[in-house]
Amino acid sequence: GAGKTTIVNLLLRFHEPQRGRILVNGTDIRDLPVDVLRSVVGYVQQDIFLFAGDVASNLRLSAPIDEAALAAAAARVGADRVIDRLPNGWHHELGERGGGVSVGERQLLAFARAIAADPALLILDEATSAVDSHIEAEIQRAVSALMTGRTTLAIAHRLSTIVHADEILVLHHGEVIERGTHRALVAAGGMYERLFRLQAGDLPP
């Protein structure tokens, strides 16, 4: 209830701001056509949705992305190993919501989909919150590959996933109450520091 999802909805123009404005490279996003704005944003949600259809169409999502670019995107995040094990590879038909692959494998496919169009801005909305333990290292490597060379906005409850962020914003009841690097926020001894130590098991609940 802090407002994280609302921020994403505003960034992607699912809602328009009632006051203030959001700038991308100095341009108000309301001055950009919605399709142009969304074409430069890669979005990986917590609840990953794969459509009934083959793997290639799930990653391409009607965008004009050739097979070589799709294969490169899959390889970059480790999704190629998931695809190779499927009976029909890229032509394998997935069930509704990605039936036939595990949660972690769905995440890798969603990462490949996000990176295939080479977005300038990547939004990760709790994208590593439901990780299969056996695939967790692959997920973390994939996230690192996803973030390289682009601006990333990562929404996280699990603070260990954002300790290397350039800047962390702490939201509470819709307000930014703290901001800074992980080291600075821990040193400040505020809400972030307490939450981090709780998650690390250093403090009683």
N, C-alpha and C. Protein backbone atom coordinates (compact mmCIF):
# COMPACT_ATOMS: atom_id res chain seq x y z
N GLY A 1 0.79 -1.21 0.00
CA GLY A 1 0.00 0.00 0.00
C GLY A 1 0.82 1.26 0.00
N ALA A 2 2.13 1.17 -0.26
CA ALA A 2 2.98 2.36 -0.22
C ALA A 2 2.88 3.20 -1.48
N GLY A 3 2.42 2.60 -2.58
CA GLY A 3 2.27 3.35 -3.81
C GLY A 3 3.17 2.91 -4.96
N LYS A 4 3.86 1.77 -4.77
CA LYS A 4 4.80 1.31 -5.79
C LYS A 4 4.10 0.98 -7.11
N THR A 5 3.01 0.25 -7.03
CA THR A 5 2.29 -0.13 -8.25
C THR A 5 1.68 1.09 -8.92
N THR A 6 1.23 2.05 -8.13
CA THR A 6 0.68 3.28 -8.70
C THR A 6 1.73 4.01 -9.51
N ILE A 7 2.96 4.04 -9.02
CA ILE A 7 4.04 4.69 -9.75
C ILE A 7 4.24 4.03 -11.11
N VAL A 8 4.25 2.70 -11.14
CA VAL A 8 4.40 1.98 -12.41
C VAL A 8 3.25 2.31 -13.35
N ASN A 9 2.03 2.32 -12.82
CA ASN A 9 0.87 2.63 -13.64
C ASN A 9 0.94 4.04 -14.22
N LEU A 10 1.49 4.96 -13.45
CA LEU A 10 1.67 6.32 -13.95
C LEU A 10 2.77 6.38 -15.02
N LEU A 11 3.87 5.68 -14.78
CA LEU A 11 4.96 5.68 -15.75
C LEU A 11 4.53 5.13 -17.10
N LEU A 12 3.69 4.10 -17.07
CA LEU A 12 3.25 3.46 -18.31
C LEU A 12 1.96 4.08 -18.87
N ARG A 13 1.49 5.12 -18.20
CA ARG A 13 0.29 5.85 -18.59
C ARG A 13 -0.97 4.99 -18.59
N PHE A 14 -1.03 4.04 -17.66
CA PHE A 14 -2.30 3.38 -17.41
C PHE A 14 -3.21 4.35 -16.67
N HIS A 15 -2.60 5.27 -15.91
CA HIS A 15 -3.30 6.38 -15.26
C HIS A 15 -2.54 7.66 -15.60
N GLU A 16 -3.25 8.79 -15.61
CA GLU A 16 -2.60 10.08 -15.80
C GLU A 16 -2.45 10.76 -14.44
N PRO A 17 -1.35 11.46 -14.20
CA PRO A 17 -1.17 12.14 -12.91
C PRO A 17 -2.20 13.23 -12.70
N GLN A 18 -2.71 13.34 -11.50
CA GLN A 18 -3.69 14.38 -11.17
C GLN A 18 -3.01 15.72 -10.93
N ARG A 19 -1.75 15.67 -10.54
CA ARG A 19 -0.95 16.89 -10.41
C ARG A 19 0.52 16.51 -10.61
N GLY A 20 1.32 17.51 -10.90
CA GLY A 20 2.72 17.23 -11.19
C GLY A 20 2.88 16.63 -12.57
N ARG A 21 4.10 16.22 -12.90
CA ARG A 21 4.35 15.63 -14.20
C ARG A 21 5.53 14.68 -14.10
N ILE A 22 5.61 13.78 -15.07
CA ILE A 22 6.69 12.81 -15.17
C ILE A 22 7.46 13.11 -16.44
N LEU A 23 8.77 13.28 -16.30
CA LEU A 23 9.61 13.61 -17.45
C LEU A 23 10.50 12.42 -17.80
N VAL A 24 10.64 12.18 -19.08
CA VAL A 24 11.60 11.20 -19.60
C VAL A 24 12.55 11.96 -20.51
N ASN A 25 13.82 12.03 -20.11
CA ASN A 25 14.81 12.83 -20.85
C ASN A 25 14.31 14.25 -21.09
N GLY A 26 13.65 14.80 -20.07
CA GLY A 26 13.19 16.19 -20.15
C GLY A 26 11.86 16.40 -20.83
N THR A 27 11.25 15.32 -21.35
CA THR A 27 9.96 15.42 -22.05
C THR A 27 8.84 14.87 -21.19
N ASP A 28 7.78 15.64 -21.04
CA ASP A 28 6.60 15.19 -20.30
C ASP A 28 6.02 13.98 -21.03
N ILE A 29 5.81 12.88 -20.30
CA ILE A 29 5.34 11.66 -20.97
C ILE A 29 3.96 11.85 -21.59
N ARG A 30 3.20 12.86 -21.16
CA ARG A 30 1.89 13.11 -21.78
C ARG A 30 2.05 13.71 -23.16
N ASP A 31 3.27 14.19 -23.48
CA ASP A 31 3.52 14.72 -24.82
C ASP A 31 4.02 13.63 -25.78
N LEU A 32 4.18 12.42 -25.27
CA LEU A 32 4.62 11.30 -26.10
C LEU A 32 3.43 10.41 -26.43
N PRO A 33 3.30 9.95 -27.68
CA PRO A 33 2.27 8.95 -27.97
C PRO A 33 2.47 7.73 -27.08
N VAL A 34 1.37 7.16 -26.60
CA VAL A 34 1.46 6.04 -25.66
C VAL A 34 2.27 4.89 -26.25
N ASP A 35 2.08 4.60 -27.54
CA ASP A 35 2.81 3.47 -28.14
C ASP A 35 4.31 3.74 -28.20
N VAL A 36 4.68 5.01 -28.41
CA VAL A 36 6.11 5.37 -28.43
C VAL A 36 6.71 5.21 -27.03
N LEU A 37 6.01 5.72 -26.03
CA LEU A 37 6.48 5.60 -24.65
C LEU A 37 6.68 4.14 -24.28
N ARG A 38 5.67 3.33 -24.53
CA ARG A 38 5.75 1.93 -24.11
C ARG A 38 6.74 1.13 -24.94
N SER A 39 7.08 1.60 -26.13
CA SER A 39 8.04 0.88 -26.96
C SER A 39 9.46 0.96 -26.41
N VAL A 40 9.73 1.94 -25.56
CA VAL A 40 11.08 2.09 -24.99
C VAL A 40 11.15 1.56 -23.57
N VAL A 41 10.07 0.93 -23.10
CA VAL A 41 10.02 0.41 -21.74
C VAL A 41 9.87 -1.10 -21.78
N GLY A 42 10.73 -1.80 -21.04
CA GLY A 42 10.56 -3.23 -20.82
C GLY A 42 9.99 -3.42 -19.42
N TYR A 43 8.95 -4.23 -19.30
CA TYR A 43 8.23 -4.35 -18.02
C TYR A 43 8.11 -5.83 -17.65
N VAL A 44 8.67 -6.19 -16.50
CA VAL A 44 8.55 -7.55 -15.99
C VAL A 44 7.77 -7.49 -14.70
N GLN A 45 6.58 -8.10 -14.71
CA GLN A 45 5.69 -8.05 -13.56
C GLN A 45 5.97 -9.18 -12.57
N GLN A 46 5.45 -9.02 -11.37
CA GLN A 46 5.54 -10.09 -10.37
C GLN A 46 4.74 -11.30 -10.83
N ASP A 47 3.55 -11.07 -11.33
CA ASP A 47 2.69 -12.15 -11.80
C ASP A 47 2.92 -12.29 -13.31
N ILE A 48 3.84 -13.16 -13.66
CA ILE A 48 4.26 -13.28 -15.07
C ILE A 48 3.16 -13.94 -15.88
N PHE A 49 2.80 -13.31 -16.98
CA PHE A 49 1.73 -13.84 -17.82
C PHE A 49 2.31 -14.28 -19.15
N LEU A 50 2.15 -15.57 -19.45
CA LEU A 50 2.48 -16.09 -20.76
C LEU A 50 1.18 -16.51 -21.43
N PHE A 51 1.08 -16.25 -22.71
CA PHE A 51 -0.15 -16.53 -23.45
C PHE A 51 -0.14 -17.94 -24.00
N ALA A 52 -1.32 -18.47 -24.25
CA ALA A 52 -1.41 -19.75 -24.95
C ALA A 52 -0.92 -19.51 -26.38
N GLY A 53 0.12 -20.20 -26.75
CA GLY A 53 0.74 -20.02 -28.06
C GLY A 53 2.18 -20.47 -28.00
N ASP A 54 2.89 -20.37 -29.12
CA ASP A 54 4.26 -20.89 -29.10
C ASP A 54 5.21 -19.91 -28.40
N VAL A 55 6.40 -20.41 -28.11
CA VAL A 55 7.39 -19.64 -27.35
C VAL A 55 7.78 -18.36 -28.09
N ALA A 56 8.03 -18.49 -29.38
CA ALA A 56 8.49 -17.33 -30.16
C ALA A 56 7.47 -16.20 -30.13
N SER A 57 6.19 -16.52 -30.31
CA SER A 57 5.17 -15.46 -30.32
C SER A 57 5.01 -14.85 -28.93
N ASN A 58 5.26 -15.63 -27.87
CA ASN A 58 5.18 -15.10 -26.51
C ASN A 58 6.29 -14.09 -26.24
N LEU A 59 7.45 -14.33 -26.82
CA LEU A 59 8.56 -13.41 -26.61
C LEU A 59 8.49 -12.21 -27.54
N ARG A 60 7.95 -12.42 -28.72
CA ARG A 60 7.91 -11.34 -29.72
C ARG A 60 6.77 -10.37 -29.46
N LEU A 61 5.62 -10.87 -29.02
CA LEU A 61 4.43 -10.05 -28.74
C LEU A 61 4.10 -9.12 -29.92
N SER A 62 4.13 -9.65 -31.12
CA SER A 62 3.76 -8.93 -32.35
C SER A 62 4.77 -7.87 -32.77
N ALA A 63 5.84 -7.69 -32.01
CA ALA A 63 6.87 -6.72 -32.40
C ALA A 63 7.70 -7.30 -33.55
N PRO A 64 8.23 -6.42 -34.43
CA PRO A 64 9.02 -6.90 -35.57
C PRO A 64 10.44 -7.29 -35.14
N ILE A 65 10.55 -8.37 -34.39
CA ILE A 65 11.85 -8.84 -33.89
C ILE A 65 12.20 -10.12 -34.62
N ASP A 66 13.36 -10.14 -35.28
CA ASP A 66 13.71 -11.32 -36.07
C ASP A 66 14.19 -12.46 -35.17
N GLU A 67 14.32 -13.64 -35.78
CA GLU A 67 14.66 -14.83 -35.00
C GLU A 67 16.03 -14.72 -34.35
N ALA A 68 16.98 -14.09 -35.03
CA ALA A 68 18.33 -13.95 -34.47
C ALA A 68 18.31 -13.10 -33.20
N ALA A 69 17.54 -12.01 -33.25
CA ALA A 69 17.45 -11.13 -32.08
C ALA A 69 16.75 -11.84 -30.92
N LEU A 70 15.72 -12.63 -31.24
CA LEU A 70 15.04 -13.39 -30.19
C LEU A 70 15.99 -14.39 -29.55
N ALA A 71 16.74 -15.11 -30.39
CA ALA A 71 17.68 -16.11 -29.87
C ALA A 71 18.76 -15.46 -29.02
N ALA A 72 19.24 -14.29 -29.44
CA ALA A 72 20.28 -13.59 -28.67
C ALA A 72 19.74 -13.14 -27.32
N ALA A 73 18.50 -12.65 -27.30
CA ALA A 73 17.88 -12.21 -26.04
C ALA A 73 17.73 -13.40 -25.09
N ALA A 74 17.28 -14.53 -25.63
CA ALA A 74 17.10 -15.72 -24.79
C ALA A 74 18.43 -16.19 -24.22
N ALA A 75 19.47 -16.18 -25.05
CA ALA A 75 20.78 -16.63 -24.60
C ALA A 75 21.35 -15.70 -23.53
N ARG A 76 21.07 -14.42 -23.66
CA ARG A 76 21.65 -13.44 -22.74
C ARG A 76 21.15 -13.62 -21.32
N VAL A 77 19.91 -14.09 -21.17
CA VAL A 77 19.35 -14.27 -19.82
C VAL A 77 19.23 -15.74 -19.42
N GLY A 78 19.76 -16.65 -20.24
CA GLY A 78 19.72 -18.06 -19.90
C GLY A 78 18.42 -18.76 -20.23
N ALA A 79 17.51 -18.08 -20.93
CA ALA A 79 16.24 -18.70 -21.29
C ALA A 79 16.41 -19.71 -22.43
N ASP A 80 17.55 -19.65 -23.13
CA ASP A 80 17.77 -20.60 -24.23
C ASP A 80 17.79 -22.04 -23.72
N ARG A 81 18.28 -22.25 -22.49
CA ARG A 81 18.31 -23.61 -21.93
C ARG A 81 16.90 -24.11 -21.65
N VAL A 82 16.01 -23.19 -21.26
CA VAL A 82 14.61 -23.57 -21.05
C VAL A 82 13.99 -23.97 -22.38
N ILE A 83 14.23 -23.16 -23.41
CA ILE A 83 13.64 -23.40 -24.73
C ILE A 83 14.17 -24.68 -25.35
N ASP A 84 15.48 -24.93 -25.18
CA ASP A 84 16.10 -26.12 -25.78
C ASP A 84 15.53 -27.42 -25.21
N ARG A 85 15.09 -27.38 -23.95
CA ARG A 85 14.58 -28.61 -23.35
C ARG A 85 13.12 -28.88 -23.72
N LEU A 86 12.43 -27.90 -24.27
CA LEU A 86 11.04 -28.10 -24.66
C LEU A 86 10.97 -28.97 -25.91
N PRO A 87 9.98 -29.84 -26.02
CA PRO A 87 9.93 -30.80 -27.14
C PRO A 87 10.04 -30.16 -28.52
N ASN A 88 9.41 -29.00 -28.72
CA ASN A 88 9.44 -28.36 -30.04
C ASN A 88 10.18 -27.03 -30.03
N GLY A 89 11.00 -26.82 -29.00
CA GLY A 89 11.82 -25.62 -28.96
C GLY A 89 11.01 -24.35 -29.08
N TRP A 90 11.44 -23.47 -29.99
CA TRP A 90 10.77 -22.18 -30.20
C TRP A 90 9.32 -22.35 -30.64
N HIS A 91 9.01 -23.48 -31.24
CA HIS A 91 7.64 -23.71 -31.75
C HIS A 91 6.77 -24.45 -30.73
N HIS A 92 7.32 -24.70 -29.54
CA HIS A 92 6.55 -25.40 -28.52
C HIS A 92 5.36 -24.56 -28.08
N GLU A 93 4.21 -25.18 -28.02
CA GLU A 93 2.99 -24.48 -27.61
C GLU A 93 2.86 -24.49 -26.09
N LEU A 94 2.82 -23.30 -25.51
CA LEU A 94 2.66 -23.17 -24.07
C LEU A 94 1.18 -23.18 -23.72
N GLY A 95 0.86 -23.72 -22.55
CA GLY A 95 -0.51 -23.68 -22.09
C GLY A 95 -0.87 -22.29 -21.57
N GLU A 96 -2.14 -22.10 -21.26
CA GLU A 96 -2.59 -20.82 -20.70
C GLU A 96 -1.78 -20.48 -19.46
N ARG A 97 -1.30 -19.24 -19.37
CA ARG A 97 -0.48 -18.75 -18.27
C ARG A 97 0.86 -19.49 -18.16
N GLY A 98 1.30 -20.11 -19.25
CA GLY A 98 2.62 -20.73 -19.27
C GLY A 98 2.65 -22.12 -18.70
N GLY A 99 1.55 -22.84 -18.81
CA GLY A 99 1.51 -24.22 -18.34
C GLY A 99 2.60 -25.05 -19.00
N GLY A 100 3.25 -25.91 -18.22
CA GLY A 100 4.29 -26.77 -18.76
C GLY A 100 5.69 -26.30 -18.43
N VAL A 101 5.83 -25.10 -17.87
CA VAL A 101 7.15 -24.62 -17.42
C VAL A 101 7.01 -24.14 -15.98
N SER A 102 8.11 -24.21 -15.24
CA SER A 102 8.07 -23.84 -13.82
C SER A 102 8.02 -22.32 -13.66
N VAL A 103 7.82 -21.86 -12.43
CA VAL A 103 7.77 -20.43 -12.15
C VAL A 103 9.09 -19.77 -12.54
N GLY A 104 10.21 -20.38 -12.14
CA GLY A 104 11.51 -19.82 -12.48
C GLY A 104 11.75 -19.77 -13.98
N GLU A 105 11.33 -20.81 -14.68
CA GLU A 105 11.49 -20.85 -16.14
C GLU A 105 10.60 -19.80 -16.80
N ARG A 106 9.41 -19.57 -16.26
CA ARG A 106 8.56 -18.50 -16.78
C ARG A 106 9.24 -17.15 -16.61
N GLN A 107 9.91 -16.97 -15.47
CA GLN A 107 10.62 -15.72 -15.23
C GLN A 107 11.71 -15.50 -16.28
N LEU A 108 12.47 -16.54 -16.59
CA LEU A 108 13.53 -16.41 -17.59
C LEU A 108 12.95 -16.07 -18.96
N LEU A 109 11.83 -16.67 -19.30
CA LEU A 109 11.17 -16.35 -20.58
C LEU A 109 10.66 -14.91 -20.58
N ALA A 110 10.14 -14.47 -19.44
CA ALA A 110 9.66 -13.08 -19.35
C ALA A 110 10.82 -12.10 -19.46
N PHE A 111 11.97 -12.45 -18.88
CA PHE A 111 13.16 -11.60 -19.01
C PHE A 111 13.60 -11.51 -20.47
N ALA A 112 13.58 -12.65 -21.16
CA ALA A 112 13.96 -12.65 -22.58
C ALA A 112 13.00 -11.77 -23.38
N ARG A 113 11.72 -11.84 -23.06
CA ARG A 113 10.72 -11.00 -23.73
C ARG A 113 11.00 -9.52 -23.48
N ALA A 114 11.37 -9.18 -22.24
CA ALA A 114 11.62 -7.78 -21.89
C ALA A 114 12.84 -7.23 -22.61
N ILE A 115 13.85 -8.07 -22.79
CA ILE A 115 15.11 -7.58 -23.34
C ILE A 115 15.16 -7.67 -24.87
N ALA A 116 14.26 -8.44 -25.46
CA ALA A 116 14.31 -8.67 -26.91
C ALA A 116 14.19 -7.37 -27.70
N ALA A 117 13.38 -6.44 -27.21
CA ALA A 117 13.19 -5.17 -27.93
C ALA A 117 14.23 -4.13 -27.52
N ASP A 118 15.20 -4.51 -26.68
CA ASP A 118 16.29 -3.63 -26.24
C ASP A 118 15.75 -2.32 -25.68
N PRO A 119 14.93 -2.36 -24.63
CA PRO A 119 14.32 -1.14 -24.09
C PRO A 119 15.35 -0.24 -23.41
N ALA A 120 15.10 1.07 -23.46
CA ALA A 120 15.98 2.02 -22.77
C ALA A 120 15.72 2.03 -21.27
N LEU A 121 14.45 1.76 -20.89
CA LEU A 121 14.04 1.75 -19.48
C LEU A 121 13.47 0.39 -19.15
N LEU A 122 13.97 -0.22 -18.08
CA LEU A 122 13.48 -1.52 -17.64
C LEU A 122 12.81 -1.37 -16.29
N ILE A 123 11.59 -1.87 -16.17
CA ILE A 123 10.87 -1.86 -14.89
C ILE A 123 10.73 -3.30 -14.42
N LEU A 124 11.28 -3.58 -13.24
CA LEU A 124 11.17 -4.90 -12.63
C LEU A 124 10.27 -4.75 -11.40
N ASP A 125 9.07 -5.28 -11.49
CA ASP A 125 8.10 -5.14 -10.39
C ASP A 125 8.07 -6.44 -9.59
N GLU A 126 8.88 -6.49 -8.52
CA GLU A 126 8.98 -7.70 -7.70
C GLU A 126 9.28 -8.92 -8.57
N ALA A 127 10.15 -8.75 -9.55
CA ALA A 127 10.34 -9.78 -10.58
C ALA A 127 11.07 -11.02 -10.09
N THR A 128 11.66 -10.96 -8.91
CA THR A 128 12.37 -12.14 -8.40
C THR A 128 11.76 -12.65 -7.10
N SER A 129 10.49 -12.33 -6.88
CA SER A 129 9.90 -12.64 -5.57
C SER A 129 9.47 -14.09 -5.41
N ALA A 130 9.24 -14.80 -6.51
CA ALA A 130 8.75 -16.18 -6.40
C ALA A 130 9.69 -17.13 -7.13
N VAL A 131 10.94 -17.13 -6.70
CA VAL A 131 11.98 -17.85 -7.41
C VAL A 131 12.04 -19.30 -6.96
N ASP A 132 12.13 -20.22 -7.93
CA ASP A 132 12.43 -21.60 -7.60
C ASP A 132 13.86 -21.64 -7.05
N SER A 133 14.08 -22.32 -5.94
CA SER A 133 15.40 -22.29 -5.31
C SER A 133 16.48 -22.83 -6.25
N HIS A 134 16.15 -23.84 -7.05
CA HIS A 134 17.18 -24.44 -7.91
C HIS A 134 17.57 -23.54 -9.08
N ILE A 135 16.77 -22.51 -9.33
CA ILE A 135 17.05 -21.66 -10.48
C ILE A 135 17.40 -20.23 -10.03
N GLU A 136 17.51 -20.03 -8.70
CA GLU A 136 17.70 -18.68 -8.18
C GLU A 136 18.97 -18.03 -8.72
N ALA A 137 20.08 -18.78 -8.79
CA ALA A 137 21.34 -18.20 -9.29
C ALA A 137 21.19 -17.78 -10.75
N GLU A 138 20.47 -18.59 -11.53
CA GLU A 138 20.24 -18.22 -12.93
C GLU A 138 19.41 -16.95 -13.03
N ILE A 139 18.40 -16.82 -12.16
CA ILE A 139 17.56 -15.63 -12.17
C ILE A 139 18.40 -14.39 -11.86
N GLN A 140 19.27 -14.49 -10.86
CA GLN A 140 20.09 -13.34 -10.50
C GLN A 140 21.06 -12.97 -11.62
N ARG A 141 21.63 -13.95 -12.29
CA ARG A 141 22.50 -13.67 -13.44
C ARG A 141 21.71 -13.01 -14.55
N ALA A 142 20.48 -13.48 -14.76
CA ALA A 142 19.63 -12.92 -15.81
C ALA A 142 19.28 -11.47 -15.51
N VAL A 143 19.00 -11.17 -14.25
CA VAL A 143 18.68 -9.79 -13.86
C VAL A 143 19.88 -8.88 -14.13
N SER A 144 21.07 -9.35 -13.81
CA SER A 144 22.28 -8.56 -14.07
C SER A 144 22.43 -8.28 -15.56
N ALA A 145 22.18 -9.30 -16.38
CA ALA A 145 22.27 -9.12 -17.83
C ALA A 145 21.21 -8.15 -18.34
N LEU A 146 20.01 -8.24 -17.76
CA LEU A 146 18.92 -7.35 -18.15
C LEU A 146 19.26 -5.89 -17.90
N MET A 147 19.88 -5.61 -16.77
CA MET A 147 20.10 -4.24 -16.34
C MET A 147 21.28 -3.57 -17.02
N THR A 148 22.16 -4.35 -17.61
CA THR A 148 23.37 -3.78 -18.21
C THR A 148 23.04 -2.84 -19.37
N GLY A 149 23.55 -1.62 -19.28
CA GLY A 149 23.40 -0.68 -20.39
C GLY A 149 22.07 0.02 -20.49
N ARG A 150 21.27 -0.06 -19.44
CA ARG A 150 19.96 0.61 -19.49
C ARG A 150 19.58 1.10 -18.09
N THR A 151 18.66 2.05 -18.03
CA THR A 151 18.13 2.51 -16.75
C THR A 151 17.13 1.48 -16.23
N THR A 152 17.27 1.10 -14.98
CA THR A 152 16.38 0.10 -14.40
C THR A 152 15.70 0.66 -13.16
N LEU A 153 14.38 0.48 -13.11
CA LEU A 153 13.60 0.81 -11.92
C LEU A 153 13.14 -0.52 -11.34
N ALA A 154 13.70 -0.89 -10.18
CA ALA A 154 13.39 -2.18 -9.56
C ALA A 154 12.54 -1.95 -8.32
N ILE A 155 11.37 -2.55 -8.30
CA ILE A 155 10.48 -2.49 -7.13
C ILE A 155 10.70 -3.77 -6.35
N ALA A 156 11.03 -3.64 -5.07
CA ALA A 156 11.40 -4.83 -4.31
C ALA A 156 10.98 -4.73 -2.86
N HIS A 157 10.49 -5.85 -2.33
CA HIS A 157 10.32 -6.00 -0.89
C HIS A 157 11.56 -6.69 -0.31
N ARG A 158 12.15 -7.59 -1.12
CA ARG A 158 13.33 -8.32 -0.67
C ARG A 158 14.54 -7.43 -0.92
N LEU A 159 15.01 -6.78 0.14
CA LEU A 159 16.00 -5.71 -0.01
C LEU A 159 17.36 -6.22 -0.47
N SER A 160 17.64 -7.50 -0.28
CA SER A 160 18.92 -8.04 -0.72
C SER A 160 19.09 -7.94 -2.23
N THR A 161 17.98 -7.80 -2.96
CA THR A 161 18.05 -7.74 -4.42
C THR A 161 18.39 -6.35 -4.94
N ILE A 162 18.41 -5.34 -4.07
CA ILE A 162 18.63 -3.97 -4.55
C ILE A 162 19.80 -3.28 -3.85
N VAL A 163 20.61 -4.03 -3.11
CA VAL A 163 21.68 -3.39 -2.34
C VAL A 163 22.72 -2.70 -3.22
N HIS A 164 22.82 -3.10 -4.49
CA HIS A 164 23.81 -2.48 -5.38
C HIS A 164 23.21 -1.37 -6.25
N ALA A 165 21.98 -0.99 -5.98
CA ALA A 165 21.33 0.07 -6.77
C ALA A 165 22.06 1.40 -6.58
N ASP A 166 22.06 2.24 -7.63
CA ASP A 166 22.68 3.56 -7.54
C ASP A 166 21.94 4.44 -6.54
N GLU A 167 20.61 4.29 -6.48
CA GLU A 167 19.82 5.05 -5.52
C GLU A 167 18.60 4.24 -5.13
N ILE A 168 18.28 4.25 -3.85
CA ILE A 168 17.12 3.54 -3.31
C ILE A 168 16.15 4.58 -2.76
N LEU A 169 14.89 4.46 -3.15
CA LEU A 169 13.83 5.32 -2.62
C LEU A 169 12.96 4.47 -1.70
N VAL A 170 12.76 4.93 -0.48
CA VAL A 170 11.95 4.22 0.50
C VAL A 170 10.59 4.89 0.55
N LEU A 171 9.54 4.12 0.20
CA LEU A 171 8.18 4.65 0.20
C LEU A 171 7.43 4.22 1.45
N HIS A 172 6.63 5.12 1.98
CA HIS A 172 5.79 4.82 3.14
C HIS A 172 4.52 5.64 3.03
N HIS A 173 3.37 4.95 2.90
CA HIS A 173 2.08 5.62 2.76
C HIS A 173 2.11 6.66 1.63
N GLY A 174 2.69 6.28 0.49
CA GLY A 174 2.64 7.14 -0.68
C GLY A 174 3.67 8.25 -0.71
N GLU A 175 4.55 8.31 0.30
CA GLU A 175 5.57 9.36 0.35
C GLU A 175 6.97 8.75 0.31
N VAL A 176 7.90 9.46 -0.35
CA VAL A 176 9.30 9.06 -0.29
C VAL A 176 9.87 9.61 1.01
N ILE A 177 10.21 8.70 1.93
CA ILE A 177 10.67 9.15 3.24
C ILE A 177 12.19 9.06 3.40
N GLU A 178 12.84 8.26 2.56
CA GLU A 178 14.30 8.15 2.59
C GLU A 178 14.79 7.90 1.17
N ARG A 179 15.99 8.37 0.88
CA ARG A 179 16.60 8.06 -0.42
C ARG A 179 18.11 8.10 -0.28
N GLY A 180 18.78 7.24 -1.01
CA GLY A 180 20.23 7.19 -0.97
C GLY A 180 20.73 5.81 -1.35
N THR A 181 22.02 5.59 -1.23
CA THR A 181 22.58 4.27 -1.47
C THR A 181 22.28 3.35 -0.30
N HIS A 182 22.47 2.05 -0.51
CA HIS A 182 22.27 1.09 0.57
C HIS A 182 23.13 1.44 1.77
N ARG A 183 24.41 1.72 1.52
CA ARG A 183 25.33 2.01 2.62
C ARG A 183 24.89 3.25 3.40
N ALA A 184 24.49 4.29 2.68
CA ALA A 184 24.08 5.53 3.34
C ALA A 184 22.80 5.33 4.14
N LEU A 185 21.86 4.56 3.60
CA LEU A 185 20.59 4.36 4.30
C LEU A 185 20.77 3.50 5.55
N VAL A 186 21.64 2.50 5.47
CA VAL A 186 21.92 1.69 6.66
C VAL A 186 22.58 2.55 7.74
N ALA A 187 23.51 3.41 7.31
CA ALA A 187 24.19 4.29 8.26
C ALA A 187 23.24 5.30 8.89
N ALA A 188 22.19 5.68 8.16
CA ALA A 188 21.25 6.69 8.66
C ALA A 188 20.39 6.17 9.81
N GLY A 189 20.22 4.84 9.89
CA GLY A 189 19.48 4.26 11.01
C GLY A 189 17.99 4.51 10.99
N GLY A 190 17.41 4.66 9.79
CA GLY A 190 15.98 4.91 9.68
C GLY A 190 15.19 3.64 9.36
N MET A 191 14.07 3.83 8.65
CA MET A 191 13.20 2.70 8.33
C MET A 191 13.91 1.65 7.47
N TYR A 192 14.67 2.10 6.48
CA TYR A 192 15.35 1.14 5.61
C TYR A 192 16.30 0.27 6.42
N GLU A 193 17.06 0.90 7.29
CA GLU A 193 18.03 0.15 8.09
C GLU A 193 17.33 -0.92 8.92
N ARG A 194 16.19 -0.56 9.53
CA ARG A 194 15.48 -1.54 10.35
C ARG A 194 14.91 -2.67 9.49
N LEU A 195 14.32 -2.32 8.34
CA LEU A 195 13.77 -3.35 7.47
C LEU A 195 14.87 -4.29 6.97
N PHE A 196 16.00 -3.72 6.60
CA PHE A 196 17.09 -4.55 6.09
C PHE A 196 17.58 -5.52 7.16
N ARG A 197 17.74 -5.02 8.39
CA ARG A 197 18.23 -5.89 9.47
C ARG A 197 17.19 -6.94 9.87
N LEU A 198 15.92 -6.59 9.78
CA LEU A 198 14.87 -7.57 10.03
C LEU A 198 14.94 -8.71 9.01
N GLN A 199 15.10 -8.34 7.74
CA GLN A 199 15.16 -9.36 6.70
C GLN A 199 16.42 -10.20 6.79
N ALA A 200 17.50 -9.58 7.27
CA ALA A 200 18.76 -10.30 7.41
C ALA A 200 18.79 -11.16 8.67
N GLY A 201 17.76 -11.02 9.51
CA GLY A 201 17.70 -11.79 10.74
C GLY A 201 18.51 -11.21 11.88
N ASP A 202 18.89 -9.94 11.77
CA ASP A 202 19.71 -9.31 12.81
C ASP A 202 18.87 -8.70 13.94
N LEU A 203 17.56 -8.56 13.70
CA LEU A 203 16.70 -7.94 14.69
C LEU A 203 15.48 -8.84 14.95
N PRO A 204 14.92 -8.82 16.16
CA PRO A 204 13.67 -9.54 16.37
C PRO A 204 12.54 -8.80 15.66
N PRO A 205 11.47 -9.48 15.25
CA PRO A 205 10.36 -8.79 14.56
C PRO A 205 9.71 -7.74 15.45
